[in-house]
PDB file of N, CA and C in Angstrom:
ATOM      1  N   MET A   1     195.293  -2.367 177.636  1.00  0.00           N
ATOM      2  CA  MET A   1     196.727  -2.437 177.788  1.00  0.00           C
ATOM      3  C   MET A   1     197.074  -3.338 178.966  1.00  0.00           C
ATOM      4  N   GLU A   2     197.885  -4.356 178.745  1.00  0.00           N
ATOM      5  CA  GLU A   2     198.256  -5.312 179.774  1.00  0.00           C
ATOM      6  C   GLU A   2     199.532  -4.854 180.463  1.00  0.00           C
ATOM      7  N   GLU A   3     199.550  -4.894 181.796  1.00  0.00           N
ATOM      8  CA  GLU A   3     200.724  -4.449 182.545  1.00  0.00           C
ATOM      9  C   GLU A   3     201.433  -5.654 183.146  1.00  0.00           C
ATOM     10  N   ASP A   4     202.769  -5.603 183.106  1.00  0.00           N
ATOM     11  CA  ASP A   4     203.574  -6.647 183.726  1.00  0.00           C
ATOM     12  C   ASP A   4     203.731  -6.344 185.210  1.00  0.00           C
ATOM     13  N   ILE A   5     203.779  -7.387 186.002  1.00  0.00           N
ATOM     14  CA  ILE A   5     204.021  -7.214 187.430  1.00  0.00           C
ATOM     15  C   ILE A   5     205.520  -7.056 187.620  1.00  0.00           C
ATOM     16  N   LEU A   6     205.934  -5.904 188.186  1.00  0.00           N
ATOM     17  CA  LEU A   6     207.348  -5.628 188.387  1.00  0.00           C
ATOM     18  C   LEU A   6     207.854  -6.140 189.725  1.00  0.00           C
ATOM     19  N   VAL A   7     207.010  -6.019 190.744  1.00  0.00           N
ATOM     20  CA  VAL A   7     207.423  -6.402 192.086  1.00  0.00           C
ATOM     21  C   VAL A   7     206.293  -7.166 192.743  1.00  0.00           C
ATOM     22  N   HIS A   8     206.653  -8.233 193.423  1.00  0.00           N
ATOM     23  CA  HIS A   8     205.677  -8.995 194.179  1.00  0.00           C
ATOM     24  C   HIS A   8     205.977  -8.762 195.659  1.00  0.00           C
ATOM     25  N   VAL A   9     205.006  -8.270 196.406  1.00  0.00           N
ATOM     26  CA  VAL A   9     205.173  -8.022 197.832  1.00  0.00           C
ATOM     27  C   VAL A   9     204.479  -9.141 198.585  1.00  0.00           C
ATOM     28  N   SER A  10     205.253  -9.850 199.392  1.00  0.00           N
ATOM     29  CA  SER A  10     204.662 -10.956 200.148  1.00  0.00           C
ATOM     30  C   SER A  10     204.208 -10.462 201.511  1.00  0.00           C
ATOM     31  N   GLU A  11     203.175 -11.097 202.013  1.00  0.00           N
ATOM     32  CA  GLU A  11     202.661 -10.767 203.335  1.00  0.00           C
ATOM     33  C   GLU A  11     203.447 -11.568 204.358  1.00  0.00           C
ATOM     34  N   GLU A  12     204.346 -10.892 205.048  1.00  0.00           N
ATOM     35  CA  GLU A  12     205.135 -11.553 206.077  1.00  0.00           C
ATOM     36  C   GLU A  12     204.711 -11.016 207.434  1.00  0.00           C
ATOM     37  N   PRO A  13     204.804 -11.841 208.457  1.00  0.00           N
ATOM     38  CA  PRO A  13     204.450 -11.334 209.783  1.00  0.00           C
ATOM     39  C   PRO A  13     205.418 -10.238 210.201  1.00  0.00           C
ATOM     40  N   ALA A  14     204.962  -9.361 211.069  1.00  0.00           N
ATOM     41  CA  ALA A  14     205.797  -8.266 211.546  1.00  0.00           C
ATOM     42  C   ALA A  14     207.011  -8.819 212.282  1.00  0.00           C
ATOM     43  N   TYR A  15     208.115  -8.113 212.165  1.00  0.00           N
ATOM     44  CA  TYR A  15     209.349  -8.534 212.838  1.00  0.00           C
ATOM     45  C   TYR A  15     209.196  -8.383 214.341  1.00  0.00           C
ATOM     46  N   ARG A  16     209.538  -9.414 215.059  1.00  0.00           N
ATOM     47  CA  ARG A  16     209.525  -9.364 216.510  1.00  0.00           C
ATOM     48  C   ARG A  16     210.912  -9.775 216.999  1.00  0.00           C
ATOM     49  N   PRO A  17     211.627  -8.856 217.637  1.00  0.00           N
ATOM     50  CA  PRO A  17     212.960  -9.214 218.104  1.00  0.00           C
ATOM     51  C   PRO A  17     212.906 -10.292 219.172  1.00  0.00           C
ATOM     52  N   GLN A  18     213.880 -11.149 219.147  1.00  0.00           N
ATOM     53  CA  GLN A  18     213.932 -12.233 220.112  1.00  0.00           C
ATOM     54  C   GLN A  18     214.537 -11.705 221.409  1.00  0.00           C
ATOM     55  N   THR A  19     213.966 -12.092 222.518  1.00  0.00           N
ATOM     56  CA  THR A  19     214.483 -11.614 223.794  1.00  0.00           C
ATOM     57  C   THR A  19     215.728 -12.406 224.165  1.00  0.00           C
ATOM     58  N   PHE A  20     216.573 -11.767 224.935  1.00  0.00           N
ATOM     59  CA  PHE A  20     217.804 -12.415 225.382  1.00  0.00           C
ATOM     60  C   PHE A  20     217.460 -13.541 226.340  1.00  0.00           C
ATOM     61  N   LYS A  21     218.009 -14.700 226.091  1.00  0.00           N
ATOM     62  CA  LYS A  21     217.704 -15.868 226.918  1.00  0.00           C
ATOM     63  C   LYS A  21     218.677 -15.907 228.100  1.00  0.00           C
ATOM     64  N   THR A  22     218.141 -15.971 229.277  1.00  0.00           N
ATOM     65  CA  THR A  22     218.992 -16.067 230.456  1.00  0.00           C
ATOM     66  C   THR A  22     219.045 -17.528 230.878  1.00  0.00           C
ATOM     67  N   SER A  23     220.240 -17.992 231.089  1.00  0.00           N
ATOM     68  CA  SER A  23     220.394 -19.390 231.476  1.00  0.00           C
ATOM     69  C   SER A  23     219.973 -19.565 232.928  1.00  0.00           C
ATOM     70  N   PRO A  24     219.647 -20.788 233.317  1.00  0.00           N
ATOM     71  CA  PRO A  24     219.310 -21.034 234.725  1.00  0.00           C
ATOM     72  C   PRO A  24     220.470 -20.676 235.645  1.00  0.00           C
ATOM     73  N   ILE A  25     221.681 -20.873 235.157  1.00  0.00           N
ATOM     74  CA  ILE A  25     222.852 -20.532 235.962  1.00  0.00           C
ATOM     75  C   ILE A  25     222.896 -19.023 236.186  1.00  0.00           C
ATOM     76  N   ALA A  26     222.678 -18.249 235.121  1.00  0.00           N
ATOM     77  CA  ALA A  26     222.719 -16.790 235.237  1.00  0.00           C
ATOM     78  C   ALA A  26     221.585 -16.288 236.117  1.00  0.00           C
ATOM     79  N   ALA A  27     220.448 -16.957 236.071  1.00  0.00           N
ATOM     80  CA  ALA A  27     219.304 -16.512 236.858  1.00  0.00           C
ATOM     81  C   ALA A  27     219.578 -16.640 238.352  1.00  0.00           C
ATOM     82  N   ARG A  28     220.339 -17.645 238.759  1.00  0.00           N
ATOM     83  CA  ARG A  28     220.575 -17.824 240.194  1.00  0.00           C
ATOM     84  C   ARG A  28     221.883 -17.204 240.666  1.00  0.00           C
ATOM     85  N   TRP A  29     222.670 -16.711 239.711  1.00  0.00           N
ATOM     86  CA  TRP A  29     223.943 -16.098 240.087  1.00  0.00           C
ATOM     87  C   TRP A  29     223.716 -14.687 240.580  1.00  0.00           C
ATOM     88  N   ASN A  30     224.333 -14.329 241.698  1.00  0.00           N
ATOM     89  CA  ASN A  30     224.225 -12.982 242.259  1.00  0.00           C
ATOM     90  C   ASN A  30     225.613 -12.365 242.312  1.00  0.00           C
ATOM     91  N   ARG A  31     225.624 -11.054 242.377  1.00  0.00           N
ATOM     92  CA  ARG A  31     226.907 -10.389 242.597  1.00  0.00           C
ATOM     93  C   ARG A  31     227.371 -10.673 244.017  1.00  0.00           C
ATOM     94  N   ARG A  32     228.640 -10.898 244.111  1.00  0.00           N
ATOM     95  CA  ARG A  32     229.223 -11.144 245.432  1.00  0.00           C
ATOM     96  C   ARG A  32     230.090  -9.940 245.804  1.00  0.00           C
ATOM     97  N   THR A  33     230.052  -9.587 247.048  1.00  0.00           N
ATOM     98  CA  THR A  33     230.892  -8.495 247.527  1.00  0.00           C
ATOM     99  C   THR A  33     232.316  -9.027 247.695  1.00  0.00           C
ATOM    100  N   PRO A  34     233.305  -8.147 247.709  1.00  0.00           N
ATOM    101  CA  PRO A  34     234.679  -8.612 247.942  1.00  0.00           C
ATOM    102  C   PRO A  34     234.815  -9.389 249.259  1.00  0.00           C
ATOM    103  N   ALA A  35     234.087  -8.972 250.273  1.00  0.00           N
ATOM    104  CA  ALA A  35     234.155  -9.684 251.554  1.00  0.00           C
ATOM    105  C   ALA A  35     233.623 -11.110 251.415  1.00  0.00           C
ATOM    106  N   GLN A  36     232.508 -11.264 250.663  1.00  0.00           N
ATOM    107  CA  GLN A  36     231.952 -12.603 250.460  1.00  0.00           C
ATOM    108  C   GLN A  36     232.919 -13.468 249.662  1.00  0.00           C
ATOM    109  N   LEU A  37     233.528 -12.893 248.632  1.00  0.00           N
ATOM    110  CA  LEU A  37     234.462 -13.673 247.806  1.00  0.00           C
ATOM    111  C   LEU A  37     235.677 -14.111 248.603  1.00  0.00           C
ATOM    112  N   SER A  38     236.183 -13.225 249.441  1.00  0.00           N
ATOM    113  CA  SER A  38     237.380 -13.581 250.206  1.00  0.00           C
ATOM    114  C   SER A  38     237.086 -14.637 251.263  1.00  0.00           C
ATOM    115  N   SER A  39     235.839 -14.733 251.685  1.00  0.00           N
ATOM    116  CA  SER A  39     235.496 -15.744 252.692  1.00  0.00           C
ATOM    117  C   SER A  39     235.117 -17.089 252.064  1.00  0.00           C
ATOM    118  N   MET A  40     234.997 -17.142 250.725  1.00  0.00           N
ATOM    119  CA  MET A  40     234.613 -18.400 250.063  1.00  0.00           C
ATOM    120  C   MET A  40     235.812 -19.330 249.951  1.00  0.00           C
ATOM    121  N   SER A  41     235.522 -20.628 249.966  1.00  0.00           N
ATOM    122  CA  SER A  41     236.586 -21.625 249.810  1.00  0.00           C
ATOM    123  C   SER A  41     237.044 -21.664 248.356  1.00  0.00           C
ATOM    124  N   LEU A  42     238.214 -22.225 248.144  1.00  0.00           N
ATOM    125  CA  LEU A  42     238.755 -22.339 246.789  1.00  0.00           C
ATOM    126  C   LEU A  42     237.835 -23.165 245.903  1.00  0.00           C
ATOM    127  N   GLN A  43     237.228 -24.198 246.466  1.00  0.00           N
ATOM    128  CA  GLN A  43     236.303 -25.044 245.706  1.00  0.00           C
ATOM    129  C   GLN A  43     235.082 -24.242 245.250  1.00  0.00           C
ATOM    130  N   ASN A  44     234.519 -23.430 246.137  1.00  0.00           N
ATOM    131  CA  ASN A  44     233.366 -22.605 245.776  1.00  0.00           C
ATOM    132  C   ASN A  44     233.746 -21.536 244.757  1.00  0.00           C
ATOM    133  N   LEU A  45     234.937 -20.957 244.899  1.00  0.00           N
ATOM    134  CA  LEU A  45     235.399 -19.965 243.923  1.00  0.00           C
ATOM    135  C   LEU A  45     235.574 -20.594 242.547  1.00  0.00           C
ATOM    136  N   SER A  46     236.100 -21.820 242.512  1.00  0.00           N
ATOM    137  CA  SER A  46     236.271 -22.527 241.230  1.00  0.00           C
ATOM    138  C   SER A  46     234.920 -22.809 240.589  1.00  0.00           C
ATOM    139  N   ARG A  47     233.954 -23.229 241.398  1.00  0.00           N
ATOM    140  CA  ARG A  47     232.607 -23.481 240.885  1.00  0.00           C
ATOM    141  C   ARG A  47     231.981 -22.187 240.347  1.00  0.00           C
ATOM    142  N   LEU A  48     232.165 -21.102 241.082  1.00  0.00           N
ATOM    143  CA  LEU A  48     231.645 -19.805 240.657  1.00  0.00           C
ATOM    144  C   LEU A  48     232.297 -19.364 239.349  1.00  0.00           C
ATOM    145  N   LEU A  49     233.583 -19.580 239.229  1.00  0.00           N
ATOM    146  CA  LEU A  49     234.305 -19.228 238.002  1.00  0.00           C
ATOM    147  C   LEU A  49     233.766 -20.024 236.811  1.00  0.00           C
ATOM    148  N   LYS A  50     233.537 -21.312 236.998  1.00  0.00           N
ATOM    149  CA  LYS A  50     232.992 -22.144 235.913  1.00  0.00           C
ATOM    150  C   LYS A  50     231.593 -21.665 235.507  1.00  0.00           C
ATOM    151  N   GLU A  51     230.782 -21.316 236.499  1.00  0.00           N
ATOM    152  CA  GLU A  51     229.441 -20.812 236.200  1.00  0.00           C
ATOM    153  C   GLU A  51     229.519 -19.509 235.403  1.00  0.00           C
ATOM    154  N   LEU A  52     230.431 -18.634 235.804  1.00  0.00           N
ATOM    155  CA  LEU A  52     230.591 -17.371 235.080  1.00  0.00           C
ATOM    156  C   LEU A  52     231.084 -17.602 233.652  1.00  0.00           C
ATOM    157  N   GLN A  53     231.966 -18.571 233.477  1.00  0.00           N
ATOM    158  CA  GLN A  53     232.450 -18.887 232.127  1.00  0.00           C
ATOM    159  C   GLN A  53     231.317 -19.397 231.251  1.00  0.00           C
ATOM    160  N   VAL A  54     230.422 -20.203 231.810  1.00  0.00           N
ATOM    161  CA  VAL A  54     229.265 -20.701 231.060  1.00  0.00           C
ATOM    162  C   VAL A  54     228.355 -19.539 230.680  1.00  0.00           C
ATOM    163  N   ILE A  55     228.122 -18.627 231.622  1.00  0.00           N
ATOM    164  CA  ILE A  55     227.274 -17.466 231.350  1.00  0.00           C
ATOM    165  C   ILE A  55     227.865 -16.627 230.223  1.00  0.00           C
ATOM    166  N   VAL A  56     229.169 -16.377 230.279  1.00  0.00           N
ATOM    167  CA  VAL A  56     229.833 -15.575 229.243  1.00  0.00           C
ATOM    168  C   VAL A  56     229.758 -16.282 227.896  1.00  0.00           C
ATOM    169  N   GLN A  57     229.959 -17.596 227.881  1.00  0.00           N
ATOM    170  CA  GLN A  57     229.888 -18.360 226.634  1.00  0.00           C
ATOM    171  C   GLN A  57     228.491 -18.300 226.034  1.00  0.00           C
ATOM    172  N   GLU A  58     227.469 -18.469 226.850  1.00  0.00           N
ATOM    173  CA  GLU A  58     226.086 -18.414 226.363  1.00  0.00           C
ATOM    174  C   GLU A  58     225.755 -17.021 225.832  1.00  0.00           C
ATOM    175  N   ALA A  59     226.182 -15.996 226.562  1.00  0.00           N
ATOM    176  CA  ALA A  59     225.919 -14.622 226.124  1.00  0.00           C
ATOM    177  C   ALA A  59     226.644 -14.323 224.820  1.00  0.00           C
ATOM    178  N   SER A  60     227.869 -14.805 224.677  1.00  0.00           N
ATOM    179  CA  SER A  60     228.621 -14.588 223.439  1.00  0.00           C
ATOM    180  C   SER A  60     227.937 -15.261 222.253  1.00  0.00           C
ATOM    181  N   GLY A  61     227.475 -16.485 222.457  1.00  0.00           N
ATOM    182  CA  GLY A  61     226.760 -17.192 221.386  1.00  0.00           C
ATOM    183  C   GLY A  61     225.495 -16.461 220.982  1.00  0.00           C
ATOM    184  N   GLU A  62     224.767 -15.962 221.972  1.00  0.00           N
ATOM    185  CA  GLU A  62     223.537 -15.224 221.698  1.00  0.00           C
ATOM    186  C   GLU A  62     223.841 -13.926 220.950  1.00  0.00           C
ATOM    187  N   LEU A  63     224.905 -13.238 221.354  1.00  0.00           N
ATOM    188  CA  LEU A  63     225.275 -11.989 220.691  1.00  0.00           C
ATOM    189  C   LEU A  63     225.706 -12.225 219.249  1.00  0.00           C
ATOM    190  N   VAL A  64     226.425 -13.303 219.003  1.00  0.00           N
ATOM    191  CA  VAL A  64     226.822 -13.629 217.623  1.00  0.00           C
ATOM    192  C   VAL A  64     225.573 -13.853 216.777  1.00  0.00           C
ATOM    193  N   TRP A  65     224.620 -14.605 217.310  1.00  0.00           N
ATOM    194  CA  TRP A  65     223.378 -14.860 216.574  1.00  0.00           C
ATOM    195  C   TRP A  65     222.639 -13.557 216.294  1.00  0.00           C
ATOM    196  N   LEU A  66     222.552 -12.678 217.296  1.00  0.00           N
ATOM    197  CA  LEU A  66     221.860 -11.401 217.117  1.00  0.00           C
ATOM    198  C   LEU A  66     222.560 -10.516 216.090  1.00  0.00           C
ATOM    199  N   LEU A  67     223.891 -10.525 216.089  1.00  0.00           N
ATOM    200  CA  LEU A  67     224.634  -9.745 215.091  1.00  0.00           C
ATOM    201  C   LEU A  67     224.389 -10.277 213.678  1.00  0.00           C
ATOM    202  N   GLN A  68     224.325 -11.598 213.547  1.00  0.00           N
ATOM    203  CA  GLN A  68     224.032 -12.187 212.229  1.00  0.00           C
ATOM    204  C   GLN A  68     222.622 -11.813 211.781  1.00  0.00           C
ATOM    205  N   GLU A  69     221.679 -11.840 212.708  1.00  0.00           N
ATOM    206  CA  GLU A  69     220.305 -11.460 212.368  1.00  0.00           C
ATOM    207  C   GLU A  69     220.252  -9.986 211.969  1.00  0.00           C
ATOM    208  N   ARG A  70     220.967  -9.157 212.688  1.00  0.00           N
ATOM    209  CA  ARG A  70     221.016  -7.717 212.368  1.00  0.00           C
ATOM    210  C   ARG A  70     221.590  -7.508 210.976  1.00  0.00           C
ATOM    211  N   GLN A  71     222.657  -8.222 210.646  1.00  0.00           N
ATOM    212  CA  GLN A  71     223.267  -8.107 209.327  1.00  0.00           C
ATOM    213  C   GLN A  71     222.278  -8.526 208.240  1.00  0.00           C
ATOM    214  N   GLY A  72     221.560  -9.605 208.473  1.00  0.00           N
ATOM    215  CA  GLY A  72     220.562 -10.051 207.496  1.00  0.00           C
ATOM    216  C   GLY A  72     219.452  -9.034 207.303  1.00  0.00           C
ATOM    217  N   LEU A  73     218.999  -8.434 208.385  1.00  0.00           N
ATOM    218  CA  LEU A  73     217.952  -7.411 208.288  1.00  0.00           C
ATOM    219  C   LEU A  73     218.463  -6.165 207.565  1.00  0.00           C
ATOM    220  N   GLN A  74     219.730  -5.795 207.815  1.00  0.00           N
ATOM    221  CA  GLN A  74     220.301  -4.638 207.122  1.00  0.00           C
ATOM    222  C   GLN A  74     220.407  -4.909 205.624  1.00  0.00           C
ATOM    223  N   GLU A  75     220.794  -6.134 205.256  1.00  0.00           N
ATOM    224  CA  GLU A  75     220.868  -6.492 203.839  1.00  0.00           C
ATOM    225  C   GLU A  75     219.483  -6.418 203.197  1.00  0.00           C
ATOM    226  N   GLU A  76     218.459  -6.844 203.934  1.00  0.00           N
ATOM    227  CA  GLU A  76     217.095  -6.786 203.425  1.00  0.00           C
ATOM    228  C   GLU A  76     216.666  -5.332 203.194  1.00  0.00           C
ATOM    229  N   VAL A  77     217.007  -4.457 204.124  1.00  0.00           N
ATOM    230  CA  VAL A  77     216.694  -3.030 203.969  1.00  0.00           C
ATOM    231  C   VAL A  77     217.404  -2.468 202.745  1.00  0.00           C
ATOM    232  N   ASP A  78     218.672  -2.825 202.576  1.00  0.00           N
ATOM    233  CA  ASP A  78     219.436  -2.337 201.427  1.00  0.00           C
ATOM    234  C   ASP A  78     218.827  -2.811 200.109  1.00  0.00           C
ATOM    235  N   ILE A  79     218.425  -4.073 200.062  1.00  0.00           N
ATOM    236  CA  ILE A  79     217.820  -4.618 198.842  1.00  0.00           C
ATOM    237  C   ILE A  79     216.504  -3.904 198.534  1.00  0.00           C
ATOM    238  N   ARG A  80     215.710  -3.654 199.558  1.00  0.00           N
ATOM    239  CA  ARG A  80     214.438  -2.947 199.344  1.00  0.00           C
ATOM    240  C   ARG A  80     214.681  -1.524 198.861  1.00  0.00           C
ATOM    241  N   SER A  81     215.689  -0.852 199.409  1.00  0.00           N
ATOM    242  CA  SER A  81     216.001   0.510 198.976  1.00  0.00           C
ATOM    243  C   SER A  81     216.435   0.534 197.520  1.00  0.00           C
ATOM    244  N   ILE A  82     217.248  -0.437 197.127  1.00  0.00           N
ATOM    245  CA  ILE A  82     217.701  -0.525 195.738  1.00  0.00           C
ATOM    246  C   ILE A  82     216.517  -0.794 194.820  1.00  0.00           C
ATOM    247  N   THR A  83     215.619  -1.690 195.245  1.00  0.00           N
ATOM    248  CA  THR A  83     214.434  -2.002 194.444  1.00  0.00           C
ATOM    249  C   THR A  83     213.558  -0.767 194.272  1.00  0.00           C
ATOM    250  N   ILE A  84     213.363  -0.025 195.342  1.00  0.00           N
ATOM    251  CA  ILE A  84     212.558   1.201 195.251  1.00  0.00           C
ATOM    252  C   ILE A  84     213.217   2.190 194.303  1.00  0.00           C
ATOM    253  N   GLU A  85     214.527   2.336 194.415  1.00  0.00           N
ATOM    254  CA  GLU A  85     215.244   3.266 193.532  1.00  0.00           C
ATOM    255  C   GLU A  85     215.089   2.842 192.067  1.00  0.00           C
ATOM    256  N   GLN A  86     215.207   1.546 191.793  1.00  0.00           N
ATOM    257  CA  GLN A  86     215.054   1.057 190.418  1.00  0.00           C
ATOM    258  C   GLN A  86     213.638   1.280 189.904  1.00  0.00           C
ATOM    259  N   LEU A  87     212.644   1.043 190.752  1.00  0.00           N
ATOM    260  CA  LEU A  87     211.259   1.263 190.344  1.00  0.00           C
ATOM    261  C   LEU A  87     210.997   2.741 190.052  1.00  0.00           C
ATOM    262  N   LEU A  88     211.559   3.614 190.875  1.00  0.00           N
ATOM    263  CA  LEU A  88     211.386   5.045 190.638  1.00  0.00           C
ATOM    264  C   LEU A  88     212.080   5.487 189.357  1.00  0.00           C
ATOM    265  N   LYS A  89     213.245   4.925 189.069  1.00  0.00           N
ATOM    266  CA  LYS A  89     213.928   5.241 187.812  1.00  0.00           C
ATOM    267  C   LYS A  89     213.108   4.771 186.619  1.00  0.00           C
ATOM    268  N   PHE A  90     212.518   3.575 186.755  1.00  0.00           N
ATOM    269  CA  PHE A  90     211.675   3.046 185.693  1.00  0.00           C
ATOM    270  C   PHE A  90     210.461   3.955 185.478  1.00  0.00           C
ATOM    271  N   ALA A  91     209.835   4.393 186.595  1.00  0.00           N
ATOM    272  CA  ALA A  91     208.668   5.270 186.488  1.00  0.00           C
ATOM    273  C   ALA A  91     209.054   6.605 185.857  1.00  0.00           C
ATOM    274  N   GLU A  92     210.215   7.125 186.219  1.00  0.00           N
ATOM    275  CA  GLU A  92     210.681   8.388 185.649  1.00  0.00           C
ATOM    276  C   GLU A  92     210.911   8.238 184.138  1.00  0.00           C
ATOM    277  N   LYS A  93     211.538   7.146 183.753  1.00  0.00           N
ATOM    278  CA  LYS A  93     211.801   6.895 182.329  1.00  0.00           C
ATOM    279  C   LYS A  93     210.487   6.777 181.557  1.00  0.00           C
ATOM    280  N   ARG A  94     209.536   6.077 182.156  1.00  0.00           N
ATOM    281  CA  ARG A  94     208.239   5.890 181.495  1.00  0.00           C
ATOM    282  C   ARG A  94     207.486   7.222 181.357  1.00  0.00           C
ATOM    283  N   GLN A  95     207.549   8.039 182.402  1.00  0.00           N
ATOM    284  CA  GLN A  95     206.889   9.346 182.350  1.00  0.00           C
ATOM    285  C   GLN A  95     207.530  10.231 181.282  1.00  0.00           C
ATOM    286  N   LEU A  96     208.856  10.159 181.163  1.00  0.00           N
ATOM    287  CA  LEU A  96     209.539  10.946 180.136  1.00  0.00           C
ATOM    288  C   LEU A  96     209.149  10.462 178.735  1.00  0.00           C
ATOM    289  N   GLN A  97     209.020   9.146 178.580  1.00  0.00           N
ATOM    290  CA  GLN A  97     208.618   8.599 177.274  1.00  0.00           C
ATOM    291  C   GLN A  97     207.205   9.030 176.909  1.00  0.00           C
ATOM    292  N   LEU A  98     206.329   9.119 177.907  1.00  0.00           N
ATOM    293  CA  LEU A  98     204.941   9.509 177.656  1.00  0.00           C
ATOM    294  C   LEU A  98     204.768  11.027 177.624  1.00  0.00           C
ATOM    295  N   GLY A  99     205.832  11.756 177.933  1.00  0.00           N
ATOM    296  CA  GLY A  99     205.772  13.211 177.921  1.00  0.00           C
ATOM    297  C   GLY A  99     205.037  13.800 179.104  1.00  0.00           C
ATOM    298  N   GLU A 100     204.929  13.047 180.182  1.00  0.00           N
ATOM    299  CA  GLU A 100     204.251  13.534 181.375  1.00  0.00           C
ATOM    300  C   GLU A 100     205.273  14.205 182.302  1.00  0.00           C
ATOM    301  N   PRO A 101     204.812  15.142 183.133  1.00  0.00           N
ATOM    302  CA  PRO A 101     205.732  15.766 184.089  1.00  0.00           C
ATOM    303  C   PRO A 101     206.154  14.756 185.158  1.00  0.00           C
ATOM    304  N   LEU A 102     207.353  14.934 185.687  1.00  0.00           N
ATOM    305  CA  LEU A 102     207.853  14.016 186.707  1.00  0.00           C
ATOM    306  C   LEU A 102     207.084  14.216 188.010  1.00  0.00           C
ATOM    307  N   ALA A 103     206.678  13.097 188.613  1.00  0.00           N
ATOM    308  CA  ALA A 103     205.881  13.168 189.830  1.00  0.00           C
ATOM    309  C   ALA A 103     206.715  12.886 191.082  1.00  0.00           C
ATOM    310  N   VAL A 104     207.880  12.250 190.930  1.00  0.00           N
ATOM    311  CA  VAL A 104     208.682  11.852 192.080  1.00  0.00           C
ATOM    312  C   VAL A 104     210.090  12.394 191.907  1.00  0.00           C
ATOM    313  N   GLN A 105     210.645  12.915 192.976  1.00  0.00           N
ATOM    314  CA  GLN A 105     212.023  13.391 192.925  1.00  0.00           C
ATOM    315  C   GLN A 105     212.939  12.263 193.380  1.00  0.00           C
ATOM    316  N   MET A 106     213.890  11.914 192.553  1.00  0.00           N
ATOM    317  CA  MET A 106     214.807  10.824 192.858  1.00  0.00           C
ATOM    318  C   MET A 106     215.759  11.178 193.994  1.00  0.00           C
ATOM    319  N   SER A 107     215.984  12.451 194.224  1.00  0.00           N
ATOM    320  CA  SER A 107     216.954  12.839 195.246  1.00  0.00           C
ATOM    321  C   SER A 107     216.561  12.312 196.620  1.00  0.00           C
ATOM    322  N   VAL A 108     215.276  12.158 196.880  1.00  0.00           N
ATOM    323  CA  VAL A 108     214.830  11.665 198.178  1.00  0.00           C
ATOM    324  C   VAL A 108     215.319  10.244 198.385  1.00  0.00           C
ATOM    325  N   VAL A 109     215.126   9.382 197.396  1.00  0.00           N
ATOM    326  CA  VAL A 109     215.559   7.995 197.508  1.00  0.00           C
ATOM    327  C   VAL A 109     217.073   7.918 197.467  1.00  0.00           C
ATOM    328  N   HIS A 110     217.686   8.691 196.578  1.00  0.00           N
ATOM    329  CA  HIS A 110     219.140   8.662 196.454  1.00  0.00           C
ATOM    330  C   HIS A 110     219.797   9.096 197.761  1.00  0.00           C
ATOM    331  N   ASP A 111     219.280  10.132 198.397  1.00  0.00           N
ATOM    332  CA  ASP A 111     219.825  10.584 199.673  1.00  0.00           C
ATOM    333  C   ASP A 111     219.683   9.507 200.732  1.00  0.00           C
ATOM    334  N   HIS A 112     218.531   8.825 200.737  1.00  0.00           N
ATOM    335  CA  HIS A 112     218.313   7.761 201.724  1.00  0.00           C
ATOM    336  C   HIS A 112     219.308   6.631 201.517  1.00  0.00           C
ATOM    337  N   CYS A 113     219.508   6.209 200.275  1.00  0.00           N
ATOM    338  CA  CYS A 113     220.433   5.116 199.983  1.00  0.00           C
ATOM    339  C   CYS A 113     221.856   5.519 200.338  1.00  0.00           C
ATOM    340  N   SER A 114     222.225   6.748 200.030  1.00  0.00           N
ATOM    341  CA  SER A 114     223.575   7.214 200.331  1.00  0.00           C
ATOM    342  C   SER A 114     223.821   7.257 201.828  1.00  0.00           C
ATOM    343  N   SER A 115     222.841   7.742 202.588  1.00  0.00           N
ATOM    344  CA  SER A 115     223.018   7.810 204.038  1.00  0.00           C
ATOM    345  C   SER A 115     223.067   6.405 204.630  1.00  0.00           C
ATOM    346  N   GLY A 116     222.321   5.477 204.077  1.00  0.00           N
ATOM    347  CA  GLY A 116     222.366   4.092 204.545  1.00  0.00           C
ATOM    348  C   GLY A 116     223.722   3.465 204.314  1.00  0.00           C
ATOM    349  N   GLN A 117     224.332   3.757 203.160  1.00  0.00           N
ATOM    350  CA  GLN A 117     225.652   3.233 202.877  1.00  0.00           C
ATOM    351  C   GLN A 117     226.681   3.880 203.786  1.00  0.00           C
ATOM    352  N   HIS A 118     226.526   5.194 204.065  1.00  0.00           N
ATOM    353  CA  HIS A 118     227.438   5.880 204.946  1.00  0.00           C
ATOM    354  C   HIS A 118     227.360   5.287 206.352  1.00  0.00           C
ATOM    355  N   ALA A 119     226.130   5.038 206.816  1.00  0.00           N
ATOM    356  CA  ALA A 119     225.958   4.464 208.154  1.00  0.00           C
ATOM    357  C   ALA A 119     226.556   3.056 208.203  1.00  0.00           C
ATOM    358  N   GLN A 120     226.390   2.295 207.135  1.00  0.00           N
ATOM    359  CA  GLN A 120     226.933   0.948 207.095  1.00  0.00           C
ATOM    360  C   GLN A 120     228.457   0.987 207.153  1.00  0.00           C
ATOM    361  N   LYS A 121     229.083   1.939 206.417  1.00  0.00           N
ATOM    362  CA  LYS A 121     230.541   2.053 206.436  1.00  0.00           C
ATOM    363  C   LYS A 121     231.043   2.429 207.819  1.00  0.00           C
ATOM    364  N   SER A 122     230.318   3.324 208.491  1.00  0.00           N
ATOM    365  CA  SER A 122     230.765   3.753 209.803  1.00  0.00           C
ATOM    366  C   SER A 122     230.635   2.631 210.833  1.00  0.00           C
ATOM    367  N   LEU A 123     229.675   1.709 210.638  1.00  0.00           N
ATOM    368  CA  LEU A 123     229.524   0.582 211.553  1.00  0.00           C
ATOM    369  C   LEU A 123     230.528  -0.511 211.276  1.00  0.00           C
ATOM    370  N   GLY A 124     230.870  -0.696 209.997  1.00  0.00           N
ATOM    371  CA  GLY A 124     231.750  -1.809 209.624  1.00  0.00           C
ATOM    372  C   GLY A 124     233.132  -1.399 209.703  1.00  0.00           C
TER     373      GLY A 124
END
């Protein structure tokens, strides 16, 4: 009896989260006390403000990228959960056709998928 391949699992490297990149400006920037700020010249305060704006812009760009990556990973998890659910339904149907007792309870997968959708709704 020849079997069709239903799912192909590729060997992908393990996920490694990317570390937050600190700019050279952020690395040399220190917190200033109110006394230090009040003693700084207007020119130095303007320079400090520009540096802080660059830091905020870089951090915002990095956060947007990380949120997009998170969304992509969540979509991948959802697709895998749906695939597992479909495979289990197929196995259940096949077992029923062959008259064999059911070996897997669908409620486990269904509960997982439902909780994932609930968590996604609460985040979005």
